[in-house]
Amino acid sequence: MGLLAEVLLLPFAPVRGSAWVIRQVLDEAERLYCDPATVRAELARLEEQLETGEIDHEEFDRREDELLDRLEAR
């Protein structure tokens, strides 16, 4: 039955392949989004922006909380 099912489902192979690729891309994006090294680098950039005056303390606190939440979600 396995071979027959594969033959019958053959027209759907591009859809199944596309779904697999999309899952892989989403998994990698999520991994990078929550990666501690990435979050630490973003925190460093955020601190630089605060020191150079690009953002104020309120914006810094808001974005810092978001980044720390990402670390905790891991």
N, C-alpha and C. Protein backbone atom coordinates (compact mmCIF):
# COMPACT_ATOMS: atom_id res chain seq x y z
N MET A 1 0.83 -1.19 0.00
CA MET A 1 0.00 0.00 0.00
C MET A 1 0.87 1.25 0.00
N GLY A 2 2.06 1.22 0.59
CA GLY A 2 2.93 2.38 0.67
C GLY A 2 3.31 2.90 -0.71
N LEU A 3 3.65 1.99 -1.62
CA LEU A 3 4.04 2.40 -2.97
C LEU A 3 2.85 3.01 -3.70
N LEU A 4 1.68 2.40 -3.55
CA LEU A 4 0.49 2.92 -4.20
C LEU A 4 0.14 4.32 -3.67
N ALA A 5 0.27 4.50 -2.38
CA ALA A 5 -0.02 5.80 -1.79
C ALA A 5 0.96 6.84 -2.32
N GLU A 6 2.23 6.49 -2.43
CA GLU A 6 3.23 7.42 -2.96
C GLU A 6 2.91 7.80 -4.40
N VAL A 7 2.49 6.85 -5.21
CA VAL A 7 2.14 7.12 -6.61
C VAL A 7 0.93 8.04 -6.67
N LEU A 8 -0.07 7.78 -5.84
CA LEU A 8 -1.28 8.61 -5.85
C LEU A 8 -1.00 10.03 -5.33
N LEU A 9 -0.08 10.14 -4.41
CA LEU A 9 0.22 11.45 -3.82
C LEU A 9 1.32 12.21 -4.58
N LEU A 10 1.84 11.61 -5.62
CA LEU A 10 2.92 12.23 -6.39
C LEU A 10 2.58 13.62 -6.90
N PRO A 11 1.37 13.87 -7.37
CA PRO A 11 1.06 15.24 -7.84
C PRO A 11 1.18 16.29 -6.73
N PHE A 12 1.11 15.87 -5.48
CA PHE A 12 1.20 16.81 -4.36
C PHE A 12 2.63 16.97 -3.85
N ALA A 13 3.58 16.35 -4.48
CA ALA A 13 4.98 16.41 -4.04
C ALA A 13 5.52 17.84 -3.97
N PRO A 14 5.23 18.70 -4.95
CA PRO A 14 5.74 20.08 -4.83
C PRO A 14 5.17 20.81 -3.61
N VAL A 15 3.92 20.55 -3.30
CA VAL A 15 3.30 21.18 -2.13
C VAL A 15 3.95 20.67 -0.86
N ARG A 16 4.16 19.37 -0.77
CA ARG A 16 4.80 18.80 0.42
C ARG A 16 6.23 19.30 0.54
N GLY A 17 6.92 19.41 -0.57
CA GLY A 17 8.29 19.93 -0.55
C GLY A 17 8.33 21.39 -0.13
N SER A 18 7.41 22.17 -0.63
CA SER A 18 7.35 23.58 -0.24
C SER A 18 7.03 23.73 1.24
N ALA A 19 6.13 22.92 1.75
CA ALA A 19 5.78 22.96 3.17
C ALA A 19 7.00 22.62 4.02
N TRP A 20 7.79 21.65 3.58
CA TRP A 20 8.99 21.26 4.33
C TRP A 20 9.98 22.42 4.35
N VAL A 21 10.18 23.07 3.20
CA VAL A 21 11.12 24.19 3.13
C VAL A 21 10.65 25.33 4.04
N ILE A 22 9.37 25.63 4.02
CA ILE A 22 8.83 26.70 4.86
C ILE A 22 9.04 26.38 6.33
N ARG A 23 8.80 25.11 6.72
CA ARG A 23 9.03 24.71 8.11
C ARG A 23 10.49 24.89 8.50
N GLN A 24 11.41 24.53 7.60
CA GLN A 24 12.83 24.66 7.90
C GLN A 24 13.23 26.12 8.07
N VAL A 25 12.71 26.98 7.20
CA VAL A 25 13.03 28.40 7.27
C VAL A 25 12.48 29.00 8.57
N LEU A 26 11.26 28.66 8.93
CA LEU A 26 10.67 29.16 10.16
C LEU A 26 11.42 28.67 11.39
N ASP A 27 11.82 27.40 11.39
CA ASP A 27 12.59 26.87 12.52
C ASP A 27 13.92 27.61 12.69
N GLU A 28 14.60 27.87 11.59
CA GLU A 28 15.88 28.58 11.64
C GLU A 28 15.69 30.03 12.09
N ALA A 29 14.65 30.67 11.59
CA ALA A 29 14.38 32.05 11.98
C ALA A 29 14.08 32.13 13.48
N GLU A 30 13.31 31.19 13.98
CA GLU A 30 13.00 31.16 15.41
C GLU A 30 14.25 30.89 16.23
N ARG A 31 15.11 30.00 15.75
CA ARG A 31 16.35 29.70 16.46
C ARG A 31 17.23 30.95 16.55
N LEU A 32 17.36 31.67 15.44
CA LEU A 32 18.17 32.89 15.44
C LEU A 32 17.55 33.99 16.29
N TYR A 33 16.24 34.08 16.26
CA TYR A 33 15.53 35.11 17.01
C TYR A 33 15.76 34.96 18.52
N CYS A 34 15.81 33.72 18.99
CA CYS A 34 15.96 33.46 20.42
C CYS A 34 17.39 33.12 20.82
N ASP A 35 18.31 33.13 19.90
CA ASP A 35 19.70 32.79 20.20
C ASP A 35 20.29 33.82 21.16
N PRO A 36 20.84 33.36 22.29
CA PRO A 36 21.39 34.30 23.27
C PRO A 36 22.48 35.21 22.70
N ALA A 37 23.31 34.71 21.81
CA ALA A 37 24.37 35.55 21.23
C ALA A 37 23.77 36.68 20.40
N THR A 38 22.73 36.39 19.66
CA THR A 38 22.05 37.40 18.85
C THR A 38 21.41 38.46 19.75
N VAL A 39 20.76 38.01 20.81
CA VAL A 39 20.09 38.94 21.72
C VAL A 39 21.13 39.81 22.42
N ARG A 40 22.25 39.21 22.84
CA ARG A 40 23.30 40.01 23.49
C ARG A 40 23.86 41.06 22.54
N ALA A 41 24.05 40.71 21.29
CA ALA A 41 24.54 41.68 20.31
C ALA A 41 23.53 42.81 20.12
N GLU A 42 22.26 42.48 20.09
CA GLU A 42 21.24 43.52 19.96
C GLU A 42 21.21 44.41 21.20
N LEU A 43 21.42 43.82 22.38
CA LEU A 43 21.49 44.62 23.60
C LEU A 43 22.66 45.58 23.56
N ALA A 44 23.80 45.13 23.05
CA ALA A 44 24.98 45.99 22.94
C ALA A 44 24.71 47.15 21.98
N ARG A 45 24.06 46.84 20.84
CA ARG A 45 23.72 47.91 19.88
C ARG A 45 22.74 48.90 20.51
N LEU A 46 21.81 48.37 21.29
CA LEU A 46 20.83 49.22 21.94
C LEU A 46 21.50 50.17 22.94
N GLU A 47 22.45 49.64 23.69
CA GLU A 47 23.18 50.48 24.64
C GLU A 47 24.00 51.56 23.92
N GLU A 48 24.57 51.19 22.79
CA GLU A 48 25.30 52.17 21.97
C GLU A 48 24.38 53.30 21.52
N GLN A 49 23.18 52.92 21.08
CA GLN A 49 22.22 53.92 20.63
C GLN A 49 21.84 54.86 21.77
N LEU A 50 21.72 54.33 22.97
CA LEU A 50 21.40 55.17 24.12
C LEU A 50 22.55 56.13 24.41
N GLU A 51 23.77 55.63 24.38
CA GLU A 51 24.94 56.46 24.68
C GLU A 51 25.16 57.55 23.64
N THR A 52 24.83 57.28 22.39
CA THR A 52 25.01 58.28 21.33
C THR A 52 23.82 59.23 21.22
N GLY A 53 22.77 58.96 21.98
CA GLY A 53 21.61 59.84 21.97
C GLY A 53 20.61 59.55 20.88
N GLU A 54 20.76 58.43 20.18
CA GLU A 54 19.81 58.09 19.12
C GLU A 54 18.44 57.74 19.69
N ILE A 55 18.43 57.18 20.91
CA ILE A 55 17.17 56.84 21.57
C ILE A 55 17.21 57.39 22.99
N ASP A 56 16.03 57.59 23.58
CA ASP A 56 15.98 58.07 24.96
C ASP A 56 15.86 56.88 25.93
N HIS A 57 15.86 57.18 27.22
CA HIS A 57 15.83 56.12 28.23
C HIS A 57 14.53 55.31 28.18
N GLU A 58 13.44 55.97 27.85
CA GLU A 58 12.15 55.27 27.77
C GLU A 58 12.17 54.23 26.66
N GLU A 59 12.65 54.63 25.49
CA GLU A 59 12.76 53.70 24.36
C GLU A 59 13.73 52.57 24.69
N PHE A 60 14.84 52.92 25.33
CA PHE A 60 15.82 51.92 25.72
C PHE A 60 15.19 50.88 26.65
N ASP A 61 14.49 51.35 27.68
CA ASP A 61 13.86 50.43 28.63
C ASP A 61 12.85 49.51 27.95
N ARG A 62 12.05 50.08 27.06
CA ARG A 62 11.03 49.28 26.36
C ARG A 62 11.68 48.19 25.51
N ARG A 63 12.67 48.58 24.72
CA ARG A 63 13.32 47.61 23.83
C ARG A 63 14.18 46.61 24.60
N GLU A 64 14.78 47.07 25.70
CA GLU A 64 15.56 46.16 26.53
C GLU A 64 14.65 45.08 27.13
N ASP A 65 13.47 45.47 27.60
CA ASP A 65 12.51 44.50 28.14
C ASP A 65 12.12 43.47 27.09
N GLU A 66 11.90 43.93 25.86
CA GLU A 66 11.55 43.00 24.78
C GLU A 66 12.68 41.99 24.54
N LEU A 67 13.91 42.47 24.53
CA LEU A 67 15.05 41.58 24.31
C LEU A 67 15.23 40.60 25.46
N LEU A 68 15.05 41.07 26.67
CA LEU A 68 15.18 40.17 27.82
C LEU A 68 14.06 39.13 27.84
N ASP A 69 12.88 39.52 27.39
CA ASP A 69 11.78 38.55 27.27
C ASP A 69 12.14 37.44 26.27
N ARG A 70 12.81 37.84 25.19
CA ARG A 70 13.24 36.84 24.19
C ARG A 70 14.21 35.85 24.82
N LEU A 71 15.10 36.33 25.68
CA LEU A 71 16.05 35.44 26.34
C LEU A 71 15.34 34.48 27.28
N GLU A 72 14.35 34.98 28.00
CA GLU A 72 13.61 34.15 28.93
C GLU A 72 12.74 33.12 28.22
N ALA A 73 12.27 33.45 27.03
CA ALA A 73 11.39 32.54 26.28
C ALA A 73 12.12 31.30 25.81
N ARG A 74 13.40 31.36 25.77
CA ARG A 74 14.21 30.24 25.28
C ARG A 74 14.17 29.11 26.21
